[in-house]
């Protein structure tokens, strides 16, 4: 706002800009940053759908068994199913990669790779369609 004096003048005029001492930037940037922070916290602390249910939903949708998704199989359909479960569990439900990895029988790095693979698959599907 241009220093304390300018800020007080704007305040007297009724021009109030949202601010936070932890965030440097304009009022719009501060609002956007705080909204993003709230979304992250909501995702982390809201009740989550059990991973078992996510696995069952994906298994039914893709025509594989939940046991196959949690197995060490590297078949294309199973790999796609694992990627979908990993993406949904981590990105949408807020599970950690470690928790997701335990259910899918993978390492947490494998879960990250599966999420990346899923995102790339979605982008290529969107580009074609």
N, C-alpha and C. Protein backbone atom coordinates (compact mmCIF):
# COMPACT_ATOMS: atom_id res chain seq x y z
N UNK A 1 0.82 -1.20 0.00
CA UNK A 1 0.00 0.00 0.00
C UNK A 1 0.86 1.26 0.00
N UNK A 2 2.14 1.14 0.13
CA UNK A 2 3.00 2.31 0.04
C UNK A 2 3.42 2.86 1.39
N UNK A 3 3.48 2.07 2.41
CA UNK A 3 3.92 2.52 3.72
C UNK A 3 2.77 2.73 4.66
N UNK A 4 3.13 3.03 5.91
CA UNK A 4 2.08 3.17 6.94
C UNK A 4 1.15 4.33 6.68
N UNK A 5 1.72 5.48 6.31
CA UNK A 5 0.90 6.67 6.11
C UNK A 5 -0.12 6.43 4.99
N UNK A 6 0.34 5.86 3.89
CA UNK A 6 -0.56 5.58 2.77
C UNK A 6 -1.62 4.56 3.18
N UNK A 7 -1.22 3.58 3.98
CA UNK A 7 -2.16 2.57 4.44
C UNK A 7 -3.23 3.18 5.32
N UNK A 8 -2.85 4.09 6.21
CA UNK A 8 -3.84 4.75 7.08
C UNK A 8 -4.79 5.62 6.26
N UNK A 9 -4.28 6.29 5.24
CA UNK A 9 -5.13 7.12 4.39
C UNK A 9 -6.16 6.25 3.68
N UNK A 10 -5.71 5.12 3.13
CA UNK A 10 -6.61 4.20 2.44
C UNK A 10 -7.63 3.61 3.42
N UNK A 11 -7.19 3.33 4.63
CA UNK A 11 -8.07 2.79 5.66
C UNK A 11 -9.18 3.78 5.99
N UNK A 12 -8.82 5.08 6.11
CA UNK A 12 -9.82 6.11 6.39
C UNK A 12 -10.82 6.23 5.25
N UNK A 13 -10.36 6.01 4.02
CA UNK A 13 -11.25 6.09 2.86
C UNK A 13 -12.15 4.85 2.76
N UNK A 14 -11.86 3.85 3.54
CA UNK A 14 -12.67 2.63 3.51
C UNK A 14 -12.13 1.56 2.57
N UNK A 15 -10.94 1.78 2.03
CA UNK A 15 -10.31 0.80 1.15
C UNK A 15 -9.48 -0.16 1.99
N UNK A 16 -10.06 -1.29 2.29
CA UNK A 16 -9.37 -2.27 3.12
C UNK A 16 -8.98 -3.44 2.23
N UNK A 17 -7.74 -3.81 2.30
CA UNK A 17 -7.24 -4.93 1.52
C UNK A 17 -6.87 -6.05 2.48
N UNK A 18 -7.29 -7.26 2.14
CA UNK A 18 -6.98 -8.40 2.99
C UNK A 18 -5.48 -8.60 3.05
N UNK A 19 -4.98 -8.90 4.23
CA UNK A 19 -3.54 -9.14 4.37
C UNK A 19 -3.31 -10.19 5.44
N UNK A 20 -2.11 -10.73 5.41
CA UNK A 20 -1.67 -11.71 6.38
C UNK A 20 -0.17 -11.53 6.50
N UNK A 21 0.34 -11.41 7.71
CA UNK A 21 1.76 -11.13 7.91
C UNK A 21 2.65 -12.25 7.38
N UNK A 22 2.11 -13.46 7.25
CA UNK A 22 2.90 -14.59 6.77
C UNK A 22 3.01 -14.63 5.25
N UNK A 23 2.16 -13.85 4.55
CA UNK A 23 2.11 -13.91 3.09
C UNK A 23 2.40 -12.53 2.52
N UNK A 24 3.40 -12.47 1.66
CA UNK A 24 3.71 -11.22 0.98
C UNK A 24 2.96 -11.19 -0.34
N UNK A 25 2.27 -10.09 -0.60
CA UNK A 25 1.57 -9.97 -1.88
C UNK A 25 0.33 -9.11 -1.74
N UNK A 26 -0.36 -8.92 -2.87
CA UNK A 26 -1.56 -8.09 -2.89
C UNK A 26 -2.70 -8.80 -2.16
N UNK A 27 -3.76 -8.07 -1.94
CA UNK A 27 -4.93 -8.64 -1.27
C UNK A 27 -5.50 -9.83 -2.03
N UNK A 28 -5.54 -9.73 -3.37
CA UNK A 28 -6.06 -10.84 -4.18
C UNK A 28 -5.19 -12.08 -4.02
N UNK A 29 -3.87 -11.89 -4.01
CA UNK A 29 -2.96 -13.02 -3.85
C UNK A 29 -3.14 -13.65 -2.47
N UNK A 30 -3.30 -12.82 -1.45
CA UNK A 30 -3.50 -13.33 -0.09
C UNK A 30 -4.80 -14.14 -0.02
N UNK A 31 -5.89 -13.60 -0.60
CA UNK A 31 -7.17 -14.33 -0.62
C UNK A 31 -7.02 -15.68 -1.31
N UNK A 32 -6.37 -15.68 -2.47
CA UNK A 32 -6.20 -16.91 -3.23
C UNK A 32 -5.37 -17.93 -2.44
N UNK A 33 -4.31 -17.47 -1.80
CA UNK A 33 -3.44 -18.36 -1.03
C UNK A 33 -4.18 -18.95 0.17
N UNK A 34 -4.94 -18.13 0.87
CA UNK A 34 -5.69 -18.61 2.02
C UNK A 34 -6.80 -19.59 1.60
N UNK A 35 -7.44 -19.35 0.45
CA UNK A 35 -8.46 -20.28 -0.04
C UNK A 35 -7.85 -21.64 -0.37
N UNK A 36 -6.69 -21.62 -1.03
CA UNK A 36 -6.01 -22.87 -1.36
C UNK A 36 -5.62 -23.62 -0.08
N UNK A 37 -5.17 -22.89 0.91
CA UNK A 37 -4.79 -23.49 2.19
C UNK A 37 -6.00 -24.14 2.85
N UNK A 38 -7.14 -23.46 2.80
CA UNK A 38 -8.37 -24.02 3.38
C UNK A 38 -8.78 -25.30 2.68
N UNK A 39 -8.66 -25.33 1.34
CA UNK A 39 -9.03 -26.54 0.58
C UNK A 39 -8.13 -27.71 0.97
N UNK A 40 -6.85 -27.44 1.14
CA UNK A 40 -5.91 -28.50 1.53
C UNK A 40 -6.26 -29.03 2.92
N UNK A 41 -6.55 -28.14 3.85
CA UNK A 41 -6.91 -28.56 5.20
C UNK A 41 -8.22 -29.34 5.21
N UNK A 42 -9.20 -28.88 4.41
CA UNK A 42 -10.48 -29.61 4.33
C UNK A 42 -10.24 -31.03 3.86
N UNK A 43 -9.46 -31.16 2.79
CA UNK A 43 -9.18 -32.49 2.22
C UNK A 43 -8.49 -33.38 3.24
N UNK A 44 -7.61 -32.78 4.03
CA UNK A 44 -6.84 -33.57 4.98
C UNK A 44 -7.68 -34.04 6.16
N UNK A 45 -8.62 -33.21 6.62
CA UNK A 45 -9.32 -33.52 7.86
C UNK A 45 -10.78 -33.93 7.70
N UNK A 46 -11.36 -33.83 6.52
CA UNK A 46 -12.74 -34.29 6.34
C UNK A 46 -12.78 -35.81 6.39
N UNK A 47 -13.91 -36.38 6.76
CA UNK A 47 -14.01 -37.85 6.76
C UNK A 47 -13.72 -38.38 5.36
N UNK A 48 -12.92 -39.42 5.32
CA UNK A 48 -12.51 -39.99 4.04
C UNK A 48 -13.29 -41.26 3.76
N UNK A 49 -13.46 -41.52 2.47
CA UNK A 49 -14.04 -42.78 2.05
C UNK A 49 -12.98 -43.86 2.26
N UNK A 50 -13.34 -44.99 2.82
CA UNK A 50 -12.34 -46.04 3.05
C UNK A 50 -11.67 -46.47 1.73
N UNK A 51 -10.36 -46.71 1.78
CA UNK A 51 -9.64 -47.12 0.58
C UNK A 51 -10.21 -48.43 0.04
N UNK A 52 -10.66 -49.32 0.92
CA UNK A 52 -11.25 -50.58 0.47
C UNK A 52 -12.43 -50.33 -0.46
N UNK A 53 -13.24 -49.32 -0.11
CA UNK A 53 -14.40 -48.99 -0.93
C UNK A 53 -13.95 -48.42 -2.28
N UNK A 54 -12.91 -47.59 -2.27
CA UNK A 54 -12.38 -47.05 -3.52
C UNK A 54 -11.91 -48.19 -4.44
N UNK A 55 -11.21 -49.15 -3.83
CA UNK A 55 -10.70 -50.29 -4.60
C UNK A 55 -11.86 -51.08 -5.19
N UNK A 56 -12.90 -51.31 -4.40
CA UNK A 56 -14.08 -52.04 -4.89
C UNK A 56 -14.77 -51.30 -6.03
N UNK A 57 -14.91 -49.98 -5.91
CA UNK A 57 -15.56 -49.18 -6.96
C UNK A 57 -14.77 -49.26 -8.26
N UNK A 58 -13.45 -49.10 -8.18
CA UNK A 58 -12.60 -49.14 -9.37
C UNK A 58 -12.62 -50.55 -9.97
N UNK A 59 -12.57 -51.56 -9.11
CA UNK A 59 -12.59 -52.94 -9.59
C UNK A 59 -13.87 -53.22 -10.38
N UNK A 60 -15.00 -52.78 -9.83
CA UNK A 60 -16.28 -52.99 -10.51
C UNK A 60 -16.32 -52.24 -11.84
N UNK A 61 -15.85 -51.01 -11.83
CA UNK A 61 -15.90 -50.17 -13.03
C UNK A 61 -15.01 -50.73 -14.14
N UNK A 62 -13.84 -51.26 -13.77
CA UNK A 62 -12.89 -51.74 -14.78
C UNK A 62 -12.97 -53.24 -15.02
N UNK A 63 -13.80 -53.94 -14.27
CA UNK A 63 -14.00 -55.36 -14.50
C UNK A 63 -12.86 -56.24 -14.03
N UNK A 64 -12.24 -55.85 -12.92
CA UNK A 64 -11.20 -56.69 -12.30
C UNK A 64 -11.60 -56.93 -10.85
N UNK A 65 -10.94 -57.85 -10.20
CA UNK A 65 -11.29 -58.11 -8.80
C UNK A 65 -10.47 -57.21 -7.88
N UNK A 66 -11.00 -56.87 -6.71
CA UNK A 66 -10.22 -56.08 -5.76
C UNK A 66 -8.91 -56.77 -5.36
N UNK A 67 -8.95 -58.10 -5.28
CA UNK A 67 -7.74 -58.85 -4.91
C UNK A 67 -6.65 -58.67 -5.96
N UNK A 68 -7.06 -58.61 -7.23
CA UNK A 68 -6.09 -58.43 -8.32
C UNK A 68 -5.47 -57.03 -8.26
N UNK A 69 -6.27 -56.03 -7.90
CA UNK A 69 -5.74 -54.66 -7.78
C UNK A 69 -4.69 -54.60 -6.68
N UNK A 70 -4.91 -55.33 -5.60
CA UNK A 70 -3.98 -55.31 -4.46
C UNK A 70 -2.83 -56.30 -4.62
N UNK A 71 -2.82 -57.03 -5.73
CA UNK A 71 -1.75 -58.02 -5.95
C UNK A 71 -0.54 -57.35 -6.61
N UNK A 72 0.45 -58.13 -6.85
CA UNK A 72 1.67 -57.63 -7.50
C UNK A 72 1.61 -57.71 -9.01
N UNK A 73 0.43 -57.96 -9.57
CA UNK A 73 0.27 -58.11 -11.01
C UNK A 73 0.66 -56.83 -11.74
N UNK A 74 1.29 -57.02 -12.92
CA UNK A 74 1.69 -55.86 -13.73
C UNK A 74 0.93 -55.82 -15.05
N UNK A 75 -0.18 -56.55 -15.12
CA UNK A 75 -1.00 -56.51 -16.33
C UNK A 75 -1.49 -55.08 -16.54
N UNK A 76 -1.70 -54.73 -17.81
CA UNK A 76 -2.07 -53.35 -18.16
C UNK A 76 -3.35 -52.89 -17.43
N UNK A 77 -4.37 -53.71 -17.43
CA UNK A 77 -5.64 -53.32 -16.79
C UNK A 77 -5.46 -53.16 -15.28
N UNK A 78 -4.69 -54.04 -14.67
CA UNK A 78 -4.45 -53.95 -13.22
C UNK A 78 -3.64 -52.70 -12.91
N UNK A 79 -2.63 -52.42 -13.73
CA UNK A 79 -1.82 -51.22 -13.54
C UNK A 79 -2.66 -49.96 -13.66
N UNK A 80 -3.57 -49.96 -14.64
CA UNK A 80 -4.47 -48.81 -14.81
C UNK A 80 -5.38 -48.67 -13.59
N UNK A 81 -5.90 -49.78 -13.09
CA UNK A 81 -6.77 -49.76 -11.91
C UNK A 81 -6.02 -49.22 -10.69
N UNK A 82 -4.78 -49.69 -10.49
CA UNK A 82 -3.98 -49.21 -9.37
C UNK A 82 -3.73 -47.71 -9.48
N UNK A 83 -3.44 -47.24 -10.70
CA UNK A 83 -3.21 -45.82 -10.93
C UNK A 83 -4.44 -45.00 -10.57
N UNK A 84 -5.61 -45.51 -10.97
CA UNK A 84 -6.86 -44.80 -10.69
C UNK A 84 -7.13 -44.75 -9.18
N UNK A 85 -6.95 -45.88 -8.51
CA UNK A 85 -7.17 -45.92 -7.06
C UNK A 85 -6.17 -44.98 -6.37
N UNK A 86 -4.91 -45.05 -6.77
CA UNK A 86 -3.88 -44.20 -6.15
C UNK A 86 -4.21 -42.73 -6.33
N UNK A 87 -4.56 -42.35 -7.55
CA UNK A 87 -4.89 -40.94 -7.81
C UNK A 87 -6.08 -40.50 -6.97
N UNK A 88 -7.15 -41.29 -6.97
CA UNK A 88 -8.34 -40.90 -6.23
C UNK A 88 -8.08 -40.83 -4.73
N UNK A 89 -7.37 -41.82 -4.21
CA UNK A 89 -7.11 -41.86 -2.77
C UNK A 89 -6.27 -40.67 -2.32
N UNK A 90 -5.22 -40.37 -3.07
CA UNK A 90 -4.29 -39.30 -2.66
C UNK A 90 -4.81 -37.92 -3.04
N UNK A 91 -5.20 -37.75 -4.30
CA UNK A 91 -5.57 -36.41 -4.80
C UNK A 91 -6.96 -35.97 -4.38
N UNK A 92 -7.91 -36.88 -4.35
CA UNK A 92 -9.29 -36.51 -4.05
C UNK A 92 -9.68 -36.73 -2.59
N UNK A 93 -9.22 -37.82 -2.01
CA UNK A 93 -9.61 -38.15 -0.64
C UNK A 93 -8.60 -37.66 0.40
N UNK A 94 -7.38 -37.35 0.00
CA UNK A 94 -6.39 -36.81 0.93
C UNK A 94 -5.59 -37.85 1.71
N UNK A 95 -5.60 -39.10 1.27
CA UNK A 95 -4.77 -40.11 1.92
C UNK A 95 -3.30 -39.86 1.61
N UNK A 96 -2.43 -40.29 2.50
CA UNK A 96 -1.00 -40.18 2.25
C UNK A 96 -0.59 -41.26 1.25
N UNK A 97 0.53 -41.04 0.58
CA UNK A 97 1.02 -42.04 -0.36
C UNK A 97 1.42 -43.32 0.38
N UNK A 98 1.89 -43.18 1.61
CA UNK A 98 2.30 -44.35 2.40
C UNK A 98 1.08 -45.21 2.73
N UNK A 99 -0.01 -44.60 3.19
CA UNK A 99 -1.22 -45.36 3.50
C UNK A 99 -1.77 -46.04 2.25
N UNK A 100 -1.79 -45.32 1.16
CA UNK A 100 -2.30 -45.87 -0.10
C UNK A 100 -1.43 -47.04 -0.56
N UNK A 101 -0.12 -46.89 -0.41
CA UNK A 101 0.82 -47.93 -0.82
C UNK A 101 0.58 -49.22 -0.05
N UNK A 102 0.28 -49.12 1.23
CA UNK A 102 0.02 -50.32 2.05
C UNK A 102 -1.14 -51.14 1.49
N UNK A 103 -2.20 -50.46 1.08
CA UNK A 103 -3.38 -51.15 0.57
C UNK A 103 -3.13 -51.75 -0.82
N UNK A 104 -2.34 -51.05 -1.64
CA UNK A 104 -2.14 -51.50 -3.02
C UNK A 104 -0.96 -52.44 -3.18
N UNK A 105 -0.22 -52.69 -2.10
CA UNK A 105 0.92 -53.58 -2.18
C UNK A 105 2.05 -52.99 -3.01
N UNK A 106 2.28 -51.69 -2.84
CA UNK A 106 3.31 -50.98 -3.60
C UNK A 106 4.16 -50.16 -2.63
N UNK A 107 5.20 -49.54 -3.15
CA UNK A 107 5.97 -48.58 -2.36
C UNK A 107 5.30 -47.22 -2.52
N UNK A 108 5.62 -46.29 -1.62
CA UNK A 108 5.02 -44.96 -1.76
C UNK A 108 5.53 -44.26 -3.02
N UNK A 109 6.75 -44.58 -3.44
CA UNK A 109 7.28 -44.02 -4.69
C UNK A 109 6.50 -44.60 -5.87
N UNK A 110 6.13 -45.88 -5.77
CA UNK A 110 5.30 -46.50 -6.80
C UNK A 110 3.94 -45.83 -6.90
N UNK A 111 3.39 -45.43 -5.77
CA UNK A 111 2.10 -44.72 -5.76
C UNK A 111 2.25 -43.38 -6.47
N UNK A 112 3.32 -42.66 -6.19
CA UNK A 112 3.56 -41.38 -6.87
C UNK A 112 3.67 -41.56 -8.38
N UNK A 113 4.39 -42.61 -8.79
CA UNK A 113 4.53 -42.90 -10.22
C UNK A 113 3.18 -43.26 -10.83
N UNK A 114 2.36 -44.01 -10.10
CA UNK A 114 1.04 -44.39 -10.59
C UNK A 114 0.14 -43.17 -10.76
N UNK A 115 0.23 -42.23 -9.83
CA UNK A 115 -0.56 -40.99 -9.93
C UNK A 115 -0.12 -40.21 -11.15
N UNK A 116 1.18 -40.10 -11.34
CA UNK A 116 1.72 -39.39 -12.50
C UNK A 116 1.25 -40.06 -13.79
N UNK A 117 1.29 -41.39 -13.82
CA UNK A 117 0.85 -42.16 -14.98
C UNK A 117 -0.64 -41.90 -15.25
N UNK A 118 -1.42 -41.86 -14.21
CA UNK A 118 -2.86 -41.62 -14.36
C UNK A 118 -3.11 -40.22 -14.93
N UNK A 119 -2.41 -39.23 -14.42
CA UNK A 119 -2.58 -37.86 -14.92
C UNK A 119 -2.19 -37.77 -16.39
N UNK A 120 -1.11 -38.42 -16.77
CA UNK A 120 -0.67 -38.40 -18.17
C UNK A 120 -1.70 -39.10 -19.05
N UNK A 121 -2.27 -40.18 -18.58
CA UNK A 121 -3.29 -40.91 -19.33
C UNK A 121 -4.53 -40.04 -19.54
N UNK A 122 -4.95 -39.36 -18.50
CA UNK A 122 -6.12 -38.47 -18.61
C UNK A 122 -5.88 -37.34 -19.59
N UNK A 123 -4.67 -36.76 -19.57
CA UNK A 123 -4.35 -35.66 -20.48
C UNK A 123 -4.40 -36.16 -21.92
N UNK A 124 -3.81 -37.33 -22.18
CA UNK A 124 -3.80 -37.84 -23.55
C UNK A 124 -5.21 -38.21 -24.02
N UNK A 125 -6.05 -38.71 -23.12
CA UNK A 125 -7.43 -39.04 -23.49
C UNK A 125 -8.20 -37.77 -23.84
N UNK A 126 -8.00 -36.72 -23.02
CA UNK A 126 -8.68 -35.45 -23.27
C UNK A 126 -8.24 -34.83 -24.59
N UNK A 127 -6.96 -34.94 -24.91
CA UNK A 127 -6.44 -34.34 -26.14
C UNK A 127 -7.02 -35.02 -27.37
N UNK A 128 -7.28 -36.33 -27.30
CA UNK A 128 -7.83 -37.06 -28.45
C UNK A 128 -9.31 -36.81 -28.63
N UNK A 129 -10.00 -36.67 -27.47
CA UNK A 129 -11.46 -36.57 -27.53
C UNK A 129 -11.89 -35.17 -27.61
